[in-house]
Amino acid sequence: MNVLVVLASAGAGGYSSMLLIVVMIVAMYFLMIRPQRKQQKKHQDTLNQLKKGDHVVTIGRLHGVIDEINKEAKTVTLDCDGIYLVFDMSAIATVSQRAAASEVAATSASEPVADDKEATPAKDEAETDSADAEPADVTPADDADKDASETK
């Protein structure tokens, strides 16, 4: 009878170790394989959305602007300060700046300058209005004497 108990316990241990291996494989899938697949899909979507004018960084850390995309050959031509280099699409690591984003940034950067120019003439007009209120034949020395007498 003791032999049966020993054999039964050995069989139960085999099933639990098999269950442990299955649990480890499932955990490995959710902790390693699934996130890597999500990252690969995101990178592929990024590569599919590339267009001319995007600022990109290659896997060799070369920064450039996309000049041409050849989807058939899966290559991209980068403009690196006037030097044109051809890379495989898979060599693109990240997109640092989208072409549309750079145009929006350039537009938004120029808008505050335009606002400052518009505000400056309004300020000058206010100064001109106050200057018109004073007599035209008053010299700057008379203004200083007038200011000194007003403060007393």
N, C-alpha and C. Protein backbone atom coordinates (compact mmCIF):
# COMPACT_ATOMS: atom_id res chain seq x y z
N MET A 1 0.80 -1.18 0.00
CA MET A 1 0.00 0.00 0.00
C MET A 1 0.86 1.25 0.00
N ASN A 2 1.94 1.25 0.70
CA ASN A 2 2.85 2.39 0.73
C ASN A 2 3.41 2.69 -0.65
N VAL A 3 3.55 1.67 -1.45
CA VAL A 3 4.07 1.84 -2.80
C VAL A 3 3.07 2.63 -3.64
N LEU A 4 1.77 2.37 -3.48
CA LEU A 4 0.74 3.08 -4.20
C LEU A 4 0.70 4.56 -3.81
N VAL A 5 0.88 4.84 -2.55
CA VAL A 5 0.88 6.23 -2.08
C VAL A 5 2.07 6.97 -2.66
N VAL A 6 3.22 6.34 -2.70
CA VAL A 6 4.42 6.96 -3.24
C VAL A 6 4.24 7.21 -4.74
N LEU A 7 3.68 6.25 -5.49
CA LEU A 7 3.46 6.42 -6.92
C LEU A 7 2.41 7.51 -7.20
N ALA A 8 1.40 7.59 -6.38
CA ALA A 8 0.36 8.61 -6.56
C ALA A 8 0.92 9.99 -6.31
N SER A 9 1.74 10.12 -5.29
CA SER A 9 2.32 11.43 -5.00
C SER A 9 3.31 11.83 -6.09
N ALA A 10 4.04 10.90 -6.68
CA ALA A 10 4.97 11.20 -7.77
C ALA A 10 4.20 11.65 -9.00
N GLY A 11 3.06 11.06 -9.28
CA GLY A 11 2.23 11.45 -10.41
C GLY A 11 1.64 12.83 -10.21
N ALA A 12 1.25 13.18 -9.03
CA ALA A 12 0.69 14.50 -8.73
C ALA A 12 1.78 15.55 -8.86
N GLY A 13 2.99 15.22 -8.48
CA GLY A 13 4.11 16.15 -8.61
C GLY A 13 4.43 16.42 -10.07
N GLY A 14 4.25 15.46 -10.94
CA GLY A 14 4.49 15.62 -12.36
C GLY A 14 3.49 16.58 -12.98
N TYR A 15 2.25 16.49 -12.55
CA TYR A 15 1.22 17.40 -13.08
C TYR A 15 1.43 18.84 -12.59
N SER A 16 1.85 18.98 -11.36
CA SER A 16 2.06 20.33 -10.83
C SER A 16 3.26 21.00 -11.50
N SER A 17 4.31 20.21 -11.78
CA SER A 17 5.47 20.80 -12.46
C SER A 17 5.12 21.15 -13.91
N MET A 18 4.25 20.33 -14.53
CA MET A 18 3.80 20.63 -15.88
C MET A 18 2.95 21.91 -15.87
N LEU A 19 2.11 22.04 -14.87
CA LEU A 19 1.28 23.24 -14.72
C LEU A 19 2.16 24.48 -14.48
N LEU A 20 3.21 24.30 -13.70
CA LEU A 20 4.14 25.41 -13.43
C LEU A 20 4.82 25.88 -14.72
N ILE A 21 5.21 24.96 -15.57
CA ILE A 21 5.85 25.31 -16.85
C ILE A 21 4.88 26.06 -17.74
N VAL A 22 3.63 25.62 -17.81
CA VAL A 22 2.62 26.31 -18.62
C VAL A 22 2.39 27.72 -18.10
N VAL A 23 2.30 27.89 -16.79
CA VAL A 23 2.11 29.22 -16.20
C VAL A 23 3.30 30.12 -16.53
N MET A 24 4.50 29.58 -16.49
CA MET A 24 5.70 30.38 -16.82
C MET A 24 5.69 30.81 -18.29
N ILE A 25 5.25 29.94 -19.19
CA ILE A 25 5.18 30.30 -20.61
C ILE A 25 4.14 31.39 -20.84
N VAL A 26 2.99 31.29 -20.19
CA VAL A 26 1.95 32.31 -20.32
C VAL A 26 2.44 33.65 -19.75
N ALA A 27 3.11 33.61 -18.61
CA ALA A 27 3.65 34.84 -18.02
C ALA A 27 4.71 35.46 -18.93
N MET A 28 5.55 34.62 -19.53
CA MET A 28 6.57 35.12 -20.45
C MET A 28 5.93 35.80 -21.65
N TYR A 29 4.83 35.23 -22.15
CA TYR A 29 4.14 35.84 -23.28
C TYR A 29 3.64 37.24 -22.92
N PHE A 30 2.98 37.36 -21.77
CA PHE A 30 2.40 38.66 -21.40
C PHE A 30 3.44 39.67 -20.94
N LEU A 31 4.57 39.22 -20.44
CA LEU A 31 5.58 40.16 -19.96
C LEU A 31 6.64 40.52 -21.00
N MET A 32 6.85 39.64 -22.00
CA MET A 32 7.93 39.91 -22.95
C MET A 32 7.46 39.96 -24.41
N ILE A 33 6.78 38.96 -24.85
CA ILE A 33 6.45 38.85 -26.28
C ILE A 33 5.38 39.84 -26.70
N ARG A 34 4.31 39.96 -25.93
CA ARG A 34 3.21 40.85 -26.30
C ARG A 34 3.64 42.32 -26.35
N PRO A 35 4.35 42.85 -25.33
CA PRO A 35 4.80 44.25 -25.43
C PRO A 35 5.74 44.50 -26.60
N GLN A 36 6.59 43.52 -26.92
CA GLN A 36 7.50 43.67 -28.05
C GLN A 36 6.72 43.73 -29.36
N ARG A 37 5.68 42.92 -29.50
CA ARG A 37 4.86 42.97 -30.71
C ARG A 37 4.13 44.30 -30.83
N LYS A 38 3.65 44.84 -29.71
CA LYS A 38 3.00 46.16 -29.73
C LYS A 38 3.98 47.23 -30.20
N GLN A 39 5.21 47.15 -29.68
CA GLN A 39 6.23 48.13 -30.06
C GLN A 39 6.57 48.00 -31.54
N GLN A 40 6.67 46.79 -32.06
CA GLN A 40 6.96 46.59 -33.48
C GLN A 40 5.82 47.13 -34.35
N LYS A 41 4.59 46.92 -33.93
CA LYS A 41 3.45 47.42 -34.69
C LYS A 41 3.44 48.95 -34.69
N LYS A 42 3.73 49.56 -33.55
CA LYS A 42 3.78 51.02 -33.46
C LYS A 42 4.88 51.58 -34.37
N HIS A 43 6.04 50.92 -34.40
CA HIS A 43 7.15 51.36 -35.25
C HIS A 43 6.78 51.23 -36.72
N GLN A 44 6.09 50.13 -37.07
CA GLN A 44 5.67 49.94 -38.46
C GLN A 44 4.66 51.01 -38.87
N ASP A 45 3.75 51.36 -37.97
CA ASP A 45 2.78 52.44 -38.25
C ASP A 45 3.50 53.77 -38.47
N THR A 46 4.53 54.02 -37.66
CA THR A 46 5.32 55.24 -37.81
C THR A 46 6.00 55.27 -39.18
N LEU A 47 6.56 54.14 -39.60
CA LEU A 47 7.23 54.06 -40.91
C LEU A 47 6.22 54.25 -42.05
N ASN A 48 5.01 53.74 -41.88
CA ASN A 48 3.99 53.89 -42.92
C ASN A 48 3.52 55.33 -43.05
N GLN A 49 3.64 56.13 -41.98
CA GLN A 49 3.19 57.52 -41.99
C GLN A 49 4.28 58.51 -42.38
N LEU A 50 5.47 58.03 -42.72
CA LEU A 50 6.56 58.93 -43.11
C LEU A 50 6.19 59.69 -44.38
N LYS A 51 6.63 60.95 -44.43
CA LYS A 51 6.43 61.74 -45.64
C LYS A 51 7.60 62.71 -45.80
N LYS A 52 7.68 63.29 -46.95
CA LYS A 52 8.77 64.21 -47.27
C LYS A 52 8.74 65.39 -46.31
N GLY A 53 9.90 65.74 -45.78
CA GLY A 53 10.02 66.87 -44.88
C GLY A 53 10.08 66.48 -43.41
N ASP A 54 9.80 65.21 -43.08
CA ASP A 54 9.89 64.75 -41.69
C ASP A 54 11.35 64.72 -41.26
N HIS A 55 11.60 65.13 -40.03
CA HIS A 55 12.93 65.04 -39.44
C HIS A 55 13.02 63.69 -38.74
N VAL A 56 14.01 62.88 -39.11
CA VAL A 56 14.13 61.53 -38.57
C VAL A 56 15.53 61.29 -38.02
N VAL A 57 15.63 60.24 -37.21
CA VAL A 57 16.90 59.79 -36.66
C VAL A 57 17.04 58.32 -37.03
N THR A 58 18.18 57.94 -37.59
CA THR A 58 18.40 56.55 -37.99
C THR A 58 18.90 55.74 -36.81
N ILE A 59 19.02 54.42 -37.02
CA ILE A 59 19.52 53.55 -35.95
C ILE A 59 20.99 53.83 -35.64
N GLY A 60 21.69 54.47 -36.58
CA GLY A 60 23.08 54.87 -36.35
C GLY A 60 23.20 56.27 -35.75
N ARG A 61 22.06 56.86 -35.35
CA ARG A 61 21.95 58.19 -34.73
C ARG A 61 22.30 59.32 -35.70
N LEU A 62 22.05 59.10 -37.00
CA LEU A 62 22.24 60.13 -38.00
C LEU A 62 20.93 60.90 -38.13
N HIS A 63 20.98 62.22 -38.00
CA HIS A 63 19.80 63.06 -38.09
C HIS A 63 19.69 63.61 -39.51
N GLY A 64 18.47 63.60 -40.05
CA GLY A 64 18.28 64.11 -41.39
C GLY A 64 16.82 64.41 -41.67
N VAL A 65 16.58 64.98 -42.84
CA VAL A 65 15.24 65.32 -43.29
C VAL A 65 14.92 64.44 -44.50
N ILE A 66 13.73 63.86 -44.51
CA ILE A 66 13.35 62.97 -45.61
C ILE A 66 13.18 63.79 -46.88
N ASP A 67 13.88 63.37 -47.92
CA ASP A 67 13.78 64.04 -49.22
C ASP A 67 12.94 63.22 -50.18
N GLU A 68 13.03 61.89 -50.09
CA GLU A 68 12.30 61.02 -51.02
C GLU A 68 12.03 59.69 -50.35
N ILE A 69 10.86 59.11 -50.63
CA ILE A 69 10.50 57.79 -50.11
C ILE A 69 10.16 56.89 -51.28
N ASN A 70 10.82 55.72 -51.35
CA ASN A 70 10.54 54.73 -52.39
C ASN A 70 9.90 53.52 -51.70
N LYS A 71 8.57 53.44 -51.77
CA LYS A 71 7.84 52.37 -51.07
C LYS A 71 8.09 51.01 -51.72
N GLU A 72 8.32 50.97 -53.04
CA GLU A 72 8.56 49.69 -53.73
C GLU A 72 9.87 49.06 -53.27
N ALA A 73 10.92 49.86 -53.22
CA ALA A 73 12.23 49.36 -52.80
C ALA A 73 12.40 49.43 -51.29
N LYS A 74 11.45 50.03 -50.59
CA LYS A 74 11.49 50.23 -49.14
C LYS A 74 12.76 50.96 -48.73
N THR A 75 13.02 52.07 -49.42
CA THR A 75 14.16 52.92 -49.09
C THR A 75 13.68 54.34 -48.85
N VAL A 76 14.53 55.10 -48.21
CA VAL A 76 14.25 56.50 -47.94
C VAL A 76 15.54 57.28 -48.17
N THR A 77 15.42 58.44 -48.80
CA THR A 77 16.57 59.30 -49.05
C THR A 77 16.53 60.44 -48.05
N LEU A 78 17.61 60.61 -47.30
CA LEU A 78 17.70 61.65 -46.28
C LEU A 78 18.63 62.76 -46.73
N ASP A 79 18.23 63.99 -46.44
CA ASP A 79 19.05 65.16 -46.69
C ASP A 79 19.73 65.52 -45.37
N CYS A 80 21.03 65.30 -45.32
CA CYS A 80 21.81 65.59 -44.12
C CYS A 80 22.75 66.76 -44.43
N ASP A 81 22.26 67.97 -44.26
CA ASP A 81 23.03 69.19 -44.54
C ASP A 81 23.58 69.20 -45.95
N GLY A 82 22.73 68.89 -46.93
CA GLY A 82 23.13 68.94 -48.32
C GLY A 82 23.69 67.65 -48.87
N ILE A 83 23.90 66.66 -48.03
CA ILE A 83 24.40 65.36 -48.47
C ILE A 83 23.21 64.41 -48.48
N TYR A 84 22.94 63.79 -49.61
CA TYR A 84 21.79 62.91 -49.76
C TYR A 84 22.23 61.47 -49.59
N LEU A 85 21.64 60.78 -48.61
CA LEU A 85 21.98 59.40 -48.31
C LEU A 85 20.73 58.53 -48.42
N VAL A 86 20.89 57.31 -48.95
CA VAL A 86 19.77 56.38 -49.11
C VAL A 86 19.88 55.31 -48.03
N PHE A 87 18.76 55.10 -47.30
CA PHE A 87 18.70 54.10 -46.24
C PHE A 87 17.51 53.19 -46.46
N ASP A 88 17.58 51.98 -45.89
CA ASP A 88 16.40 51.13 -45.83
C ASP A 88 15.40 51.76 -44.87
N MET A 89 14.13 51.50 -45.10
CA MET A 89 13.09 52.04 -44.22
C MET A 89 13.30 51.54 -42.79
N SER A 90 13.78 50.31 -42.66
CA SER A 90 13.98 49.74 -41.33
C SER A 90 15.10 50.44 -40.56
N ALA A 91 15.91 51.26 -41.23
CA ALA A 91 16.99 51.98 -40.56
C ALA A 91 16.49 53.23 -39.83
N ILE A 92 15.24 53.60 -40.04
CA ILE A 92 14.69 54.77 -39.36
C ILE A 92 14.31 54.36 -37.94
N ALA A 93 14.93 54.97 -36.95
CA ALA A 93 14.65 54.63 -35.55
C ALA A 93 13.47 55.44 -35.03
N THR A 94 13.51 56.76 -35.18
CA THR A 94 12.44 57.61 -34.67
C THR A 94 12.20 58.78 -35.60
N VAL A 95 11.02 59.36 -35.46
CA VAL A 95 10.68 60.60 -36.16
C VAL A 95 10.75 61.69 -35.11
N SER A 96 11.70 62.60 -35.25
CA SER A 96 11.87 63.64 -34.23
C SER A 96 10.92 64.81 -34.44
N GLN A 97 10.52 65.07 -35.69
CA GLN A 97 9.62 66.19 -35.96
C GLN A 97 8.90 65.91 -37.27
N ARG A 98 7.59 66.00 -37.23
CA ARG A 98 6.78 65.79 -38.43
C ARG A 98 6.85 67.03 -39.30
N ALA A 99 6.66 66.87 -40.60
CA ALA A 99 6.72 67.98 -41.54
C ALA A 99 5.63 69.00 -41.25
N ALA A 100 4.42 68.55 -40.97
CA ALA A 100 3.32 69.48 -40.67
C ALA A 100 3.57 70.20 -39.36
N ALA A 101 4.16 69.52 -38.40
CA ALA A 101 4.44 70.14 -37.10
C ALA A 101 5.47 71.26 -37.25
N SER A 102 6.45 71.06 -38.13
CA SER A 102 7.46 72.10 -38.31
C SER A 102 6.86 73.33 -38.98
N GLU A 103 5.89 73.12 -39.90
CA GLU A 103 5.23 74.26 -40.54
C GLU A 103 4.38 75.01 -39.54
N VAL A 104 3.69 74.29 -38.64
CA VAL A 104 2.87 74.93 -37.61
C VAL A 104 3.75 75.69 -36.65
N ALA A 105 4.90 75.11 -36.29
CA ALA A 105 5.83 75.78 -35.39
C ALA A 105 6.37 77.06 -36.02
N ALA A 106 6.67 77.00 -37.30
CA ALA A 106 7.18 78.19 -37.99
C ALA A 106 6.09 79.27 -38.06
N THR A 107 4.86 78.85 -38.28
CA THR A 107 3.75 79.80 -38.35
C THR A 107 3.50 80.41 -36.99
N SER A 108 3.49 79.59 -35.93
CA SER A 108 3.21 80.12 -34.59
C SER A 108 4.36 81.00 -34.12
N ALA A 109 5.58 80.71 -34.55
CA ALA A 109 6.72 81.54 -34.16
C ALA A 109 6.64 82.91 -34.82
N SER A 110 6.08 82.98 -36.03
CA SER A 110 6.00 84.26 -36.72
C SER A 110 4.81 85.08 -36.25
N GLU A 111 3.78 84.46 -35.68
CA GLU A 111 2.60 85.20 -35.24
C GLU A 111 2.90 86.18 -34.11
N PRO A 112 3.64 85.81 -33.05
CA PRO A 112 3.91 86.79 -32.00
C PRO A 112 4.70 87.99 -32.51
N VAL A 113 5.56 87.78 -33.48
CA VAL A 113 6.32 88.89 -34.04
C VAL A 113 5.36 89.86 -34.73
N ALA A 114 4.38 89.33 -35.45
CA ALA A 114 3.40 90.16 -36.13
C ALA A 114 2.55 90.91 -35.11
N ASP A 115 2.21 90.26 -33.99
CA ASP A 115 1.43 90.92 -32.95
C ASP A 115 2.21 92.07 -32.34
N ASP A 116 3.53 91.87 -32.14
CA ASP A 116 4.35 92.93 -31.57
C ASP A 116 4.41 94.13 -32.51
N LYS A 117 4.48 93.89 -33.81
CA LYS A 117 4.52 94.99 -34.77
C LYS A 117 3.21 95.75 -34.77
N GLU A 118 2.10 95.01 -34.62
CA GLU A 118 0.81 95.67 -34.59
C GLU A 118 0.65 96.49 -33.32
N ALA A 119 1.20 96.00 -32.21
CA ALA A 119 1.06 96.70 -30.94
C ALA A 119 1.93 97.96 -30.92
N THR A 120 3.07 97.92 -31.57
CA THR A 120 3.97 99.06 -31.56
C THR A 120 3.36 100.30 -32.21
N PRO A 121 2.71 100.22 -33.38
CA PRO A 121 2.11 101.42 -33.95
C PRO A 121 1.00 101.99 -33.06
N ALA A 122 0.26 101.14 -32.37
CA ALA A 122 -0.79 101.64 -31.48
C ALA A 122 -0.16 102.44 -30.35
N LYS A 123 0.98 101.98 -29.86
CA LYS A 123 1.67 102.67 -28.79
C LYS A 123 2.19 104.02 -29.31
N ASP A 124 2.73 104.02 -30.52
CA ASP A 124 3.23 105.25 -31.11
C ASP A 124 2.10 106.25 -31.33
N GLU A 125 0.92 105.76 -31.72
CA GLU A 125 -0.22 106.65 -31.93
C GLU A 125 -0.62 107.32 -30.63
N ALA A 126 -0.55 106.58 -29.51
CA ALA A 126 -0.90 107.16 -28.21
C ALA A 126 0.09 108.27 -27.85
N GLU A 127 1.37 108.03 -28.11
CA GLU A 127 2.37 109.06 -27.84
C GLU A 127 2.15 110.27 -28.74
N THR A 128 1.75 110.05 -29.98
CA THR A 128 1.50 111.14 -30.92
C THR A 128 0.30 111.96 -30.46
N ASP A 129 -0.74 111.30 -29.95
CA ASP A 129 -1.91 112.02 -29.46
C ASP A 129 -1.56 112.91 -28.29
N SER A 130 -0.72 112.42 -27.36
CA SER A 130 -0.36 113.25 -26.21
C SER A 130 0.55 114.39 -26.66
N ALA A 131 1.36 114.17 -27.69
CA ALA A 131 2.23 115.23 -28.18
C ALA A 131 1.40 116.31 -28.87
N ASP A 132 0.31 115.92 -29.52
CA ASP A 132 -0.55 116.90 -30.19
C ASP A 132 -1.26 117.80 -29.18
N ALA A 133 -1.48 117.32 -27.98
CA ALA A 133 -2.18 118.11 -26.98
C ALA A 133 -1.32 119.26 -26.47
N GLU A 134 0.00 119.11 -26.48
CA GLU A 134 0.89 120.17 -26.01
C GLU A 134 1.11 121.18 -27.13
N PRO A 135 1.44 122.40 -26.77
CA PRO A 135 1.74 123.40 -27.79
C PRO A 135 2.96 123.01 -28.60
N ALA A 136 2.96 123.31 -29.88
CA ALA A 136 4.02 122.91 -30.79
C ALA A 136 5.29 123.71 -30.59
N ASP A 137 5.24 124.94 -30.07
CA ASP A 137 6.42 125.78 -29.95
C ASP A 137 7.14 125.62 -28.62
N VAL A 138 6.80 124.61 -27.82
CA VAL A 138 7.46 124.37 -26.55
C VAL A 138 8.74 123.59 -26.80
N THR A 139 9.85 124.04 -26.25
CA THR A 139 11.14 123.36 -26.41
C THR A 139 11.33 122.35 -25.30
N PRO A 140 12.23 121.41 -25.46
CA PRO A 140 12.47 120.41 -24.41
C PRO A 140 12.90 121.04 -23.10
N ALA A 141 13.63 122.12 -23.11
CA ALA A 141 14.04 122.78 -21.87
C ALA A 141 12.82 123.32 -21.14
N ASP A 142 11.83 123.85 -21.87
CA ASP A 142 10.62 124.35 -21.25
C ASP A 142 9.84 123.21 -20.61
N ASP A 143 9.87 122.02 -21.24
CA ASP A 143 9.19 120.85 -20.66
C ASP A 143 9.81 120.48 -19.33
N ALA A 144 11.14 120.51 -19.22
CA ALA A 144 11.81 120.18 -17.98
C ALA A 144 11.44 121.17 -16.89
N ASP A 145 11.37 122.48 -17.21
CA ASP A 145 10.98 123.49 -16.23
C ASP A 145 9.53 123.29 -15.82
N LYS A 146 8.68 122.92 -16.76
CA LYS A 146 7.26 122.71 -16.49
C LYS A 146 7.08 121.51 -15.55
N ASP A 147 7.86 120.40 -15.79
CA ASP A 147 7.78 119.22 -14.94
C ASP A 147 8.29 119.53 -13.54
N ALA A 148 9.32 120.32 -13.42
CA ALA A 148 9.88 120.69 -12.10
C ALA A 148 8.89 121.53 -11.32
N SER A 149 8.17 122.46 -11.97
CA SER A 149 7.21 123.30 -11.27
C SER A 149 5.98 122.49 -10.86
N GLU A 150 5.63 121.45 -11.61
CA GLU A 150 4.48 120.62 -11.28
C GLU A 150 4.75 119.75 -10.05
N THR A 151 6.00 119.31 -9.83
CA THR A 151 6.32 118.44 -8.73
C THR A 151 6.41 119.22 -7.44
N LYS A 152 6.56 120.55 -7.47
CA LYS A 152 6.68 121.35 -6.26
C LYS A 152 5.36 121.55 -5.69
